[in-house]
């Protein structure tokens, strides 16, 4: 089929309003060629300006281009704008083990894959993939090349699924610095530690009243650690400070995760809100700790998470209908709009690494072409009209945020994409047979994000783990990629 035929076919599925939006997008898009990141993202870096927090999303948890481009943008932010923290939608203890390796501090791991071996929980492919590995290897090289008195870049996790593991690390730490406190922590954590890593079972039993919840006890462990902080850091200077910070955050994870697992069997928005509030809390902790400890650059954080966590929830039906909050909204509210810049990704079709259901093996699955009158279909039509399959749109830049004013041309784009349109979200589970109901929601894109990158046809991430099998779907799936792409 010719490009013109494809374009007519695509137009036939759009209403007049969406066709107008597509035409406006075509006149404002900036091509992205995926050859030279400095050239592709020069205008994006200018738009980010002096923001302290840059949120970089993804429309799926298993797309090669989203991970790769997020890494390239992060490298530019670290090299050119002094960002020194990457906080991912990943568990705190798993990421911290990697961080120790990246810093060469108190790490017994001989190589990166060994350091990443703590990533054991479903979905393994979300972090144990070639794209993340390439970025972390770059981060290690970057740190190794820095002069001794310069700040290093760090990798942290923001999530709260590691209830049992974080509790184990808290007790292990307290056994070294305060054995009596360790005994008390063990007693306080006893109600859920007996369930081991089956934390959902604990949450279920607690919600039925069959197992006592231990919310107050978990908070007490955290309070005691903070109260005794001065005593603990007398042991070994900065290393002791780092260990105390790491394990205080583990205690915070335990307190919030215990509440989260109980809430899972209540209302959906309650558990969602607890999780995103926790991730925002971790962001605050990271920035405060970095600023306090004589880091020359202060705390400047890059966040890697799904679009649904990083696009401002107030401009989606998540916030409007379900009353859910997310990191994007909370970050703007707490750090200030002018200090936060969030970037989303979209795609029309291609391949994604995802499972059919939770805890099932990953597959490289075909992404169904986007629905009519979705933002993805508007972008697909614009890509055909402009002959640019991959492009960047900027809705707001640093100067706009300071002056609170935008040009008439910018206003035209923002207005066109500021009305509700369907937007797709694919997590670790993808159900194309119920595509509309499982993976779409309404969103006002130009309010939800400050910028968006569209990749019209995408590929699946490349898991490097050999402990599970990648199941191919009926069509041929490219499991190998040329180097450098």
Protein backbone atom coordinates (compact mmCIF):
# COMPACT_ATOMS: atom_id res chain seq x y z
CA UNK A 1 0.00 0.00 0.00
CA UNK A 2 1.36 3.43 -0.93
CA UNK A 3 1.96 6.13 1.68
CA UNK A 4 -0.92 8.15 0.16
CA UNK A 5 -3.28 5.15 0.45
CA UNK A 6 -2.23 4.54 4.03
CA UNK A 7 -2.80 8.22 4.81
CA UNK A 8 -6.31 8.16 3.25
CA UNK A 9 -7.08 4.97 5.19
CA UNK A 10 -5.92 6.59 8.40
CA UNK A 11 -7.91 9.76 7.68
CA UNK A 12 -11.05 7.70 7.16
CA UNK A 13 -10.99 6.66 10.82
CA UNK A 14 -10.63 10.19 12.21
CA UNK A 15 -13.41 12.70 12.84
CA UNK A 16 -13.07 16.29 11.65
CA UNK A 17 -11.81 17.54 15.00
CA UNK A 18 -9.04 14.91 15.08
CA UNK A 19 -8.06 15.73 11.49
CA UNK A 20 -7.62 19.38 12.48
CA UNK A 21 -5.50 18.31 15.46
CA UNK A 22 -3.37 16.11 13.21
CA UNK A 23 -2.79 19.01 10.81
CA UNK A 24 -1.73 21.29 13.68
CA UNK A 25 0.63 18.60 15.02
CA UNK A 26 2.17 18.26 11.54
CA UNK A 27 3.02 21.97 11.48
CA UNK A 28 4.59 21.92 14.98
CA UNK A 29 6.44 18.60 15.22
CA UNK A 30 10.22 18.40 15.42
CA UNK A 31 11.69 15.32 13.67
CA UNK A 32 13.74 12.90 15.76
CA UNK A 33 16.17 10.74 13.76
CA UNK A 34 17.73 8.62 16.54
CA UNK A 35 21.25 9.21 15.20
CA UNK A 36 22.73 12.08 17.23
CA UNK A 37 20.97 12.65 20.59
CA UNK A 38 22.56 16.09 20.97
CA UNK A 39 20.95 17.16 17.72
CA UNK A 40 17.64 15.37 18.33
CA UNK A 41 17.16 16.80 21.81
CA UNK A 42 18.83 20.23 21.68
CA UNK A 43 15.44 22.01 21.81
CA UNK A 44 14.25 19.63 24.54
CA UNK A 45 17.24 20.47 26.76
CA UNK A 46 16.59 24.16 26.19
CA UNK A 47 12.94 23.68 27.14
CA UNK A 48 13.96 21.84 30.34
CA UNK A 49 16.07 24.84 31.35
CA UNK A 50 16.95 24.85 35.06
CA UNK A 51 14.33 22.32 36.14
CA UNK A 52 15.44 20.27 39.16
CA UNK A 53 13.22 17.26 38.43
CA UNK A 54 12.80 15.70 34.97
CA UNK A 55 10.22 12.93 34.69
CA UNK A 56 10.69 10.66 31.66
CA UNK A 57 7.83 8.27 31.02
CA UNK A 58 6.99 5.34 28.77
CA UNK A 59 3.71 4.23 27.22
CA UNK A 60 4.60 0.57 27.90
CA UNK A 61 6.88 -1.34 30.25
CA UNK A 62 8.49 -3.25 27.38
CA UNK A 63 9.43 -1.01 24.44
CA UNK A 64 13.01 -0.82 23.14
CA UNK A 65 12.82 2.74 21.80
CA UNK A 66 11.27 4.16 24.97
CA UNK A 67 14.03 2.71 27.16
CA UNK A 68 16.80 3.64 24.72
CA UNK A 69 15.71 7.25 24.18
CA UNK A 70 15.02 7.75 27.87
CA UNK A 71 18.59 6.64 28.53
CA UNK A 72 19.99 8.99 25.87
CA UNK A 73 18.09 11.97 27.27
CA UNK A 74 19.29 11.03 30.77
CA UNK A 75 22.91 10.93 29.60
CA UNK A 76 22.59 14.46 28.20
CA UNK A 77 21.01 15.69 31.43
CA UNK A 78 23.83 14.18 33.50
CA UNK A 79 26.62 15.46 31.25
CA UNK A 80 25.25 18.88 30.35
CA UNK A 81 22.94 19.89 33.19
CA UNK A 82 24.50 18.30 36.26
CA UNK A 83 21.77 15.80 37.09
CA UNK A 84 23.11 13.25 39.55
CA UNK A 85 20.22 10.98 40.51
CA UNK A 86 18.18 8.55 38.40
CA UNK A 87 15.18 7.26 40.35
CA UNK A 88 13.33 4.38 38.69
CA UNK A 89 10.00 2.62 39.18
CA UNK A 90 12.01 -0.12 40.82
CA UNK A 91 12.35 -1.56 44.32
CA UNK A 92 14.65 0.32 46.69
CA UNK A 93 16.95 -2.55 47.85
CA UNK A 94 17.38 -4.01 44.34
CA UNK A 95 18.40 -0.65 42.89
CA UNK A 96 20.66 0.22 45.82
CA UNK A 97 22.75 -2.89 45.25
CA UNK A 98 23.31 -1.68 41.67
CA UNK A 99 24.12 1.79 42.99
CA UNK A 100 26.86 0.44 45.23
CA UNK A 101 28.42 -1.22 42.22
CA UNK A 102 28.18 1.98 40.16
CA UNK A 103 29.98 3.88 42.91
CA UNK A 104 32.49 1.13 43.66
CA UNK A 105 31.58 1.49 47.35
CA UNK A 106 31.03 -1.46 49.67
CA UNK A 107 30.12 -3.69 46.70
CA UNK A 108 31.06 -7.35 46.47
CA UNK A 109 29.73 -7.66 42.92
CA UNK A 110 32.31 -8.32 40.21
CA UNK A 111 30.20 -7.03 37.31
CA UNK A 112 26.93 -5.28 36.55
CA UNK A 113 24.85 -8.39 35.89
CA UNK A 114 25.89 -9.76 39.26
CA UNK A 115 24.84 -6.46 40.83
CA UNK A 116 21.49 -6.68 39.01
CA UNK A 117 20.82 -10.22 40.22
CA UNK A 118 18.65 -8.91 43.07
CA UNK A 119 16.01 -8.07 40.48
CA UNK A 120 14.14 -11.34 40.99
CA UNK A 121 10.51 -10.28 41.23
CA UNK A 122 8.05 -10.33 38.30
CA UNK A 123 8.40 -8.63 35.84
CA UNK A 124 12.09 -9.45 35.40
CA UNK A 125 12.32 -8.03 31.88
CA UNK A 126 11.32 -4.55 33.06
CA UNK A 127 14.84 -3.93 34.43
CA UNK A 128 16.88 -6.98 33.42
CA UNK A 129 17.06 -5.96 29.78
CA UNK A 130 19.80 -4.87 27.40
CA UNK A 131 18.60 -1.27 27.23
CA UNK A 132 18.87 -0.73 31.00
CA UNK A 133 22.16 -2.64 31.10
CA UNK A 134 23.65 -0.36 28.41
CA UNK A 135 22.64 2.73 30.37
CA UNK A 136 23.99 1.42 33.68
CA UNK A 137 27.29 0.45 32.03
CA UNK A 138 27.50 4.01 30.72
CA UNK A 139 26.73 5.34 34.21
CA UNK A 140 29.55 3.22 35.67
CA UNK A 141 31.99 4.53 33.05
CA UNK A 142 30.84 8.09 33.67
CA UNK A 143 31.40 7.74 37.43
CA UNK A 144 34.81 6.13 36.93
CA UNK A 145 35.88 9.04 34.72
CA UNK A 146 34.99 11.73 37.28
CA UNK A 147 37.73 13.39 39.37
CA UNK A 148 37.84 12.15 42.95
CA UNK A 149 36.25 15.29 44.42
CA UNK A 150 33.39 15.39 41.90
CA UNK A 151 29.87 14.07 42.45
CA UNK A 152 28.97 10.68 41.08
CA UNK A 153 25.64 9.85 39.43
CA UNK A 154 23.39 7.45 41.33
CA UNK A 155 20.69 4.87 40.55
CA UNK A 156 17.84 4.46 43.04
CA UNK A 157 14.48 2.68 43.23
CA UNK A 158 11.26 4.46 44.24
CA UNK A 159 8.79 1.60 44.55
CA UNK A 160 7.37 -0.14 47.62
CA UNK A 161 6.85 -3.78 46.69
CA UNK A 162 9.88 -4.96 48.70
CA UNK A 163 8.15 -5.26 52.09
CA UNK A 164 9.94 -8.43 53.21
CA UNK A 165 13.35 -7.63 51.66
CA UNK A 166 13.42 -4.10 53.06
CA UNK A 167 12.44 -5.36 56.53
CA UNK A 168 15.23 -7.96 56.35
CA UNK A 169 17.78 -5.22 55.51
CA UNK A 170 16.55 -2.98 58.35
CA UNK A 171 17.01 -5.80 60.88
CA UNK A 172 20.40 -6.73 59.40
CA UNK A 173 21.57 -3.10 59.69
CA UNK A 174 20.31 -2.69 63.26
CA UNK A 175 22.05 -5.91 64.32
CA UNK A 176 25.35 -4.19 63.43
CA UNK A 177 24.70 -0.81 65.04
CA UNK A 178 22.11 -1.46 67.77
CA UNK A 179 21.35 -5.13 68.60
CA UNK A 180 18.59 -4.23 71.06
CA UNK A 181 16.84 -2.12 68.42
CA UNK A 182 17.19 -5.06 66.02
CA UNK A 183 15.33 -7.32 68.46
CA UNK A 184 12.54 -4.77 68.80
CA UNK A 185 12.28 -4.36 65.01
CA UNK A 186 12.08 -8.14 64.57
CA UNK A 187 9.19 -8.31 67.03
CA UNK A 188 7.42 -5.36 65.40
CA UNK A 189 7.76 -6.85 61.92
CA UNK A 190 6.73 -10.36 63.07
CA UNK A 191 3.13 -10.19 61.81
CA UNK A 192 4.13 -9.97 58.15
CA UNK A 193 7.62 -11.54 58.25
CA UNK A 194 5.94 -14.90 58.94
CA UNK A 195 4.46 -14.72 55.42
CA UNK A 196 7.93 -14.41 53.88
CA UNK A 197 7.87 -12.88 50.41
CA UNK A 198 4.19 -13.72 49.92
CA UNK A 199 3.27 -10.16 50.89
CA UNK A 200 -0.06 -10.17 49.06
CA UNK A 201 -1.15 -13.09 51.26
CA UNK A 202 -0.33 -10.99 54.33
CA UNK A 203 -2.37 -8.09 52.93
CA UNK A 204 -5.31 -10.38 52.23
CA UNK A 205 -5.25 -11.96 55.69
CA UNK A 206 -4.88 -8.56 57.37
CA UNK A 207 -7.79 -7.13 55.36
CA UNK A 208 -9.98 -9.99 56.64
CA UNK A 209 -8.85 -9.38 60.20
CA UNK A 210 -7.22 -12.83 60.35
CA UNK A 211 -3.74 -11.39 60.83
CA UNK A 212 -3.06 -8.34 62.94
CA UNK A 213 -1.81 -5.42 60.87
CA UNK A 214 1.30 -3.75 62.21
CA UNK A 215 1.09 -0.21 60.84
CA UNK A 216 1.98 1.51 64.14
CA UNK A 217 4.77 -0.97 64.84
CA UNK A 218 6.36 -0.35 61.41
CA UNK A 219 6.19 3.42 61.89
CA UNK A 220 7.77 3.02 65.33
CA UNK A 221 10.82 1.27 63.81
CA UNK A 222 11.28 4.19 61.42
CA UNK A 223 10.85 6.77 64.19
CA UNK A 224 13.41 5.00 66.40
CA UNK A 225 15.97 4.94 63.57
CA UNK A 226 15.52 8.66 62.93
CA UNK A 227 15.75 9.40 66.66
CA UNK A 228 19.01 7.44 66.96
CA UNK A 229 20.50 8.72 63.70
CA UNK A 230 23.16 10.86 65.38
CA UNK A 231 24.41 7.90 67.40
CA UNK A 232 24.55 5.59 64.37
CA UNK A 233 26.55 7.95 62.12
CA UNK A 234 29.30 8.36 64.71
CA UNK A 235 30.56 4.95 63.61
CA UNK A 236 32.15 5.60 60.25
CA UNK A 237 31.67 9.08 58.79
CA UNK A 238 30.13 9.30 55.33
CA UNK A 239 29.87 5.55 54.87
CA UNK A 240 27.81 5.38 58.06
CA UNK A 241 25.64 8.25 56.80
CA UNK A 242 25.01 6.40 53.54
CA UNK A 243 24.16 3.15 55.36
CA UNK A 244 21.82 4.98 57.73
CA UNK A 245 20.11 6.78 54.83
CA UNK A 246 19.75 3.58 52.83
CA UNK A 247 18.21 1.67 55.73
CA UNK A 248 16.03 4.55 56.92
CA UNK A 249 14.49 4.52 53.44
CA UNK A 250 14.09 0.74 53.78
CA UNK A 251 12.17 1.37 57.00
CA UNK A 252 10.03 3.93 55.15
CA UNK A 253 9.38 1.33 52.43
CA UNK A 254 8.28 -1.17 55.09
CA UNK A 255 5.90 1.31 56.75
CA UNK A 256 4.30 2.35 53.46
CA UNK A 257 4.34 -1.12 51.88
CA UNK A 258 2.60 -2.69 54.88
CA UNK A 259 -0.21 -0.16 54.46
CA UNK A 260 -0.20 -0.65 50.68
CA UNK A 261 -0.59 -4.43 50.80
CA UNK A 262 -3.52 -4.11 53.18
CA UNK A 263 -5.13 -1.49 50.93
CA UNK A 264 -4.85 -3.72 47.84
CA UNK A 265 -7.99 -5.53 48.92
CA UNK A 266 -9.89 -2.28 49.43
CA UNK A 267 -10.46 0.46 46.86
CA UNK A 268 -8.17 0.67 43.82
CA UNK A 269 -7.56 4.40 44.14
CA UNK A 270 -6.45 3.98 47.77
CA UNK A 271 -3.63 1.56 46.87
CA UNK A 272 -2.67 3.55 43.76
CA UNK A 273 -2.46 6.78 45.75
CA UNK A 274 -0.41 5.18 48.51
CA UNK A 275 2.10 3.92 45.97
CA UNK A 276 2.53 7.22 44.12
CA UNK A 277 2.67 9.19 47.37
CA UNK A 278 5.43 6.86 48.51
CA UNK A 279 7.40 7.34 45.28
CA UNK A 280 7.13 11.12 45.70
CA UNK A 281 8.30 10.79 49.30
CA UNK A 282 11.38 8.93 48.09
CA UNK A 283 12.07 11.75 45.59
CA UNK A 284 12.01 14.28 48.42
CA UNK A 285 14.32 12.10 50.54
CA UNK A 286 16.83 11.74 47.68
CA UNK A 287 16.94 15.46 46.96
CA UNK A 288 17.23 16.42 50.62
CA UNK A 289 19.97 13.88 51.34
CA UNK A 290 21.99 14.92 48.28
CA UNK A 291 21.71 18.61 49.14
CA UNK A 292 22.65 18.06 52.80
CA UNK A 293 25.81 16.08 52.22
CA UNK A 294 28.06 18.63 50.50
CA UNK A 295 27.19 17.54 46.99
CA UNK A 296 28.33 20.35 44.74
CA UNK A 297 25.47 19.98 42.27
CA UNK A 298 22.73 19.60 44.85
CA UNK A 299 19.87 17.22 44.17
CA UNK A 300 18.75 17.07 40.54
CA UNK A 301 16.62 14.02 39.82
CA UNK A 302 15.65 12.15 36.65
CA UNK A 303 12.68 9.82 37.14
CA UNK A 304 12.02 6.73 35.01
CA UNK A 305 8.47 5.40 35.27
CA UNK A 306 5.34 4.73 33.24
CA UNK A 307 3.43 7.60 31.62
CA UNK A 308 0.52 6.85 33.95
CA UNK A 309 2.71 7.73 36.95
CA UNK A 310 4.44 10.77 35.44
CA UNK A 311 1.79 12.57 33.38
CA UNK A 312 -0.16 14.93 35.66
CA UNK A 313 -3.18 12.87 36.84
CA UNK A 314 -5.36 15.98 37.17
CA UNK A 315 -5.63 16.07 33.37
CA UNK A 316 -6.71 12.44 32.92
CA UNK A 317 -9.78 10.50 33.95
CA UNK A 318 -7.55 8.86 36.58
CA UNK A 319 -7.72 12.09 38.55
CA UNK A 320 -10.96 13.53 37.24
CA UNK A 321 -13.14 10.43 37.63
CA UNK A 322 -11.27 8.03 39.93
CA UNK A 323 -9.73 10.71 42.18
CA UNK A 324 -6.26 9.22 41.83
CA UNK A 325 -3.07 11.22 42.24
CA UNK A 326 0.32 10.39 40.75
CA UNK A 327 3.98 11.38 40.86
CA UNK A 328 3.56 13.87 38.00
CA UNK A 329 0.86 15.79 39.84
CA UNK A 330 2.51 15.56 43.28
CA UNK A 331 5.90 16.63 41.94
CA UNK A 332 4.44 19.71 40.26
CA UNK A 333 2.54 20.59 43.43
CA UNK A 334 5.40 20.03 45.86
CA UNK A 335 8.47 21.17 43.88
CA UNK A 336 6.72 23.87 41.85
CA UNK A 337 5.69 23.79 38.20
CA UNK A 338 8.81 25.74 37.17
CA UNK A 339 11.10 23.12 38.73
CA UNK A 340 9.52 20.07 37.12
CA UNK A 341 9.56 18.98 33.47
CA UNK A 342 7.76 15.83 32.38
CA UNK A 343 8.15 13.95 29.09
CA UNK A 344 5.80 11.28 27.74
CA UNK A 345 6.19 8.68 24.97
CA UNK A 346 3.58 7.34 22.54
CA UNK A 347 3.44 4.74 19.76
CA UNK A 348 0.98 3.65 17.07
CA UNK A 349 1.97 0.00 16.57
CA UNK A 350 4.89 -2.45 16.67
CA UNK A 351 6.03 -4.95 19.31
CA UNK A 352 6.09 -4.95 23.09
CA UNK A 353 7.50 -7.31 25.72
CA UNK A 354 4.59 -8.12 28.05
CA UNK A 355 2.78 -11.00 29.72
CA UNK A 356 -0.76 -12.28 29.15
CA UNK A 357 -1.38 -12.11 32.90
CA UNK A 358 0.46 -11.39 36.14
CA UNK A 359 3.32 -13.80 36.93
CA UNK A 360 3.12 -15.40 33.47
CA UNK A 361 6.08 -15.64 31.06
CA UNK A 362 6.83 -12.58 28.91
CA UNK A 363 6.12 -12.62 25.20
CA UNK A 364 7.04 -10.32 22.34
CA UNK A 365 3.50 -9.32 21.40
CA UNK A 366 2.14 -7.26 18.53
CA UNK A 367 0.87 -3.82 19.53
CA UNK A 368 -2.55 -3.37 17.93
CA UNK A 369 -2.71 -0.23 15.73
CA UNK A 370 -4.06 2.68 17.75
CA UNK A 371 -7.78 3.36 17.97
CA UNK A 372 -9.53 6.07 15.98
CA UNK A 373 -9.68 9.43 17.72
CA UNK A 374 -6.88 8.53 20.12
CA UNK A 375 -3.85 10.74 20.53
CA UNK A 376 -1.75 7.93 19.05
CA UNK A 377 -3.88 7.85 15.89
CA UNK A 378 -3.68 11.64 15.57
CA UNK A 379 0.12 11.33 15.81
CA UNK A 380 0.19 8.43 13.35
CA UNK A 381 -1.71 10.51 10.81
CA UNK A 382 0.65 13.43 11.40
CA UNK A 383 3.63 11.12 10.89
CA UNK A 384 2.24 10.05 7.50
CA UNK A 385 1.45 13.63 6.46
CA UNK A 386 4.89 14.90 7.47
CA UNK A 387 6.79 11.75 6.43
CA UNK A 388 8.38 11.85 9.89
CA UNK A 389 7.73 8.57 11.73
CA UNK A 390 9.39 9.80 14.94
CA UNK A 391 9.00 13.28 16.36
CA UNK A 392 9.07 15.57 19.39
CA UNK A 393 6.40 18.04 20.49
CA UNK A 394 7.10 20.62 23.19
CA UNK A 395 4.12 22.19 24.98
CA UNK A 396 5.94 24.20 27.64
CA UNK A 397 9.50 25.38 28.17
CA UNK A 398 11.43 26.93 31.04
CA UNK A 399 10.75 30.51 29.87
CA UNK A 400 7.01 29.82 29.48
CA UNK A 401 6.85 28.52 33.03
CA UNK A 402 8.65 31.57 34.43
CA UNK A 403 6.62 34.14 32.50
CA UNK A 404 3.39 32.08 32.55
CA UNK A 405 2.86 33.16 28.94
CA UNK A 406 3.22 31.36 25.62
CA UNK A 407 3.25 32.43 21.97
CA UNK A 408 0.08 32.34 19.88
CA UNK A 409 1.51 29.48 17.79
CA UNK A 410 2.33 27.48 20.91
CA UNK A 411 -1.14 28.23 22.26
CA UNK A 412 -2.65 26.79 19.07
CA UNK A 413 -0.86 23.46 19.56
CA UNK A 414 -1.59 23.34 23.29
CA UNK A 415 -5.25 24.11 22.73
CA UNK A 416 -5.58 21.43 20.03
CA UNK A 417 -4.09 18.76 22.33
CA UNK A 418 -5.61 20.17 25.51
CA UNK A 419 -9.00 18.57 24.86
CA UNK A 420 -9.73 15.01 26.03
CA UNK A 421 -8.55 12.25 23.69
CA UNK A 422 -8.08 8.55 24.22
CA UNK A 423 -4.55 7.65 25.31
CA UNK A 424 -3.05 4.15 25.47
CA UNK A 425 -1.22 2.65 28.43
CA UNK A 426 0.36 -0.84 28.34
CA UNK A 427 1.89 -2.11 31.57
CA UNK A 428 3.51 -5.48 32.23
CA UNK A 429 0.29 -7.20 31.13
CA UNK A 430 -1.06 -6.61 27.62
CA UNK A 431 -4.53 -7.77 26.56
CA UNK A 432 -5.05 -6.74 22.93
CA UNK A 433 -8.35 -8.66 22.81
CA UNK A 434 -9.83 -6.08 25.23
CA UNK A 435 -7.70 -3.19 23.98
CA UNK A 436 -10.22 -0.37 24.44
CA UNK A 437 -11.26 -1.24 28.00
CA UNK A 438 -7.95 -2.56 29.29
CA UNK A 439 -5.53 -0.02 27.87
CA UNK A 440 -7.16 3.34 27.07
CA UNK A 441 -8.20 6.31 29.17
CA UNK A 442 -9.06 9.96 28.48
CA UNK A 443 -6.30 12.56 28.80
CA UNK A 444 -5.60 16.20 27.98
CA UNK A 445 -2.10 15.63 26.64
CA UNK A 446 -0.72 19.20 26.50
CA UNK A 447 -1.64 19.73 30.17
CA UNK A 448 -0.61 16.24 31.24
CA UNK A 449 2.98 16.55 29.86
CA UNK A 450 5.43 19.34 29.05
CA UNK A 451 6.70 17.42 26.01
CA UNK A 452 6.01 14.16 24.22
CA UNK A 453 8.05 11.92 21.89
CA UNK A 454 6.15 9.82 19.36
CA UNK A 455 7.69 6.68 17.83
CA UNK A 456 5.26 5.42 15.22
CA UNK A 457 6.46 1.78 15.04
CA UNK A 458 8.28 0.35 18.04
CA UNK A 459 10.11 -2.84 19.00
CA UNK A 460 10.20 -4.90 22.18
CA UNK A 461 12.91 -4.61 24.83
CA UNK A 462 15.64 -7.24 24.83
CA UNK A 463 15.68 -9.22 28.09
CA UNK A 464 19.10 -10.68 28.82
CA UNK A 465 17.91 -13.13 31.44
CA UNK A 466 18.17 -16.83 30.62
CA UNK A 467 16.01 -17.98 33.52
CA UNK A 468 12.81 -17.48 31.54
CA UNK A 469 11.72 -18.13 28.00
CA UNK A 470 10.58 -15.44 25.57
CA UNK A 471 7.50 -16.83 23.90
CA UNK A 472 7.05 -15.60 20.35
CA UNK A 473 3.57 -14.71 19.15
CA UNK A 474 2.32 -16.09 15.83
CA UNK A 475 4.13 -13.54 13.70
CA UNK A 476 7.88 -13.32 13.28
CA UNK A 477 9.48 -11.41 16.11
CA UNK A 478 12.95 -9.81 15.81
CA UNK A 479 14.77 -10.94 18.94
CA UNK A 480 18.14 -9.52 17.88
CA UNK A 481 18.99 -5.93 17.07
CA UNK A 482 21.94 -4.38 15.26
CA UNK A 483 24.47 -2.95 17.71
CA UNK A 484 23.95 0.67 18.62
CA UNK A 485 20.21 0.79 17.98
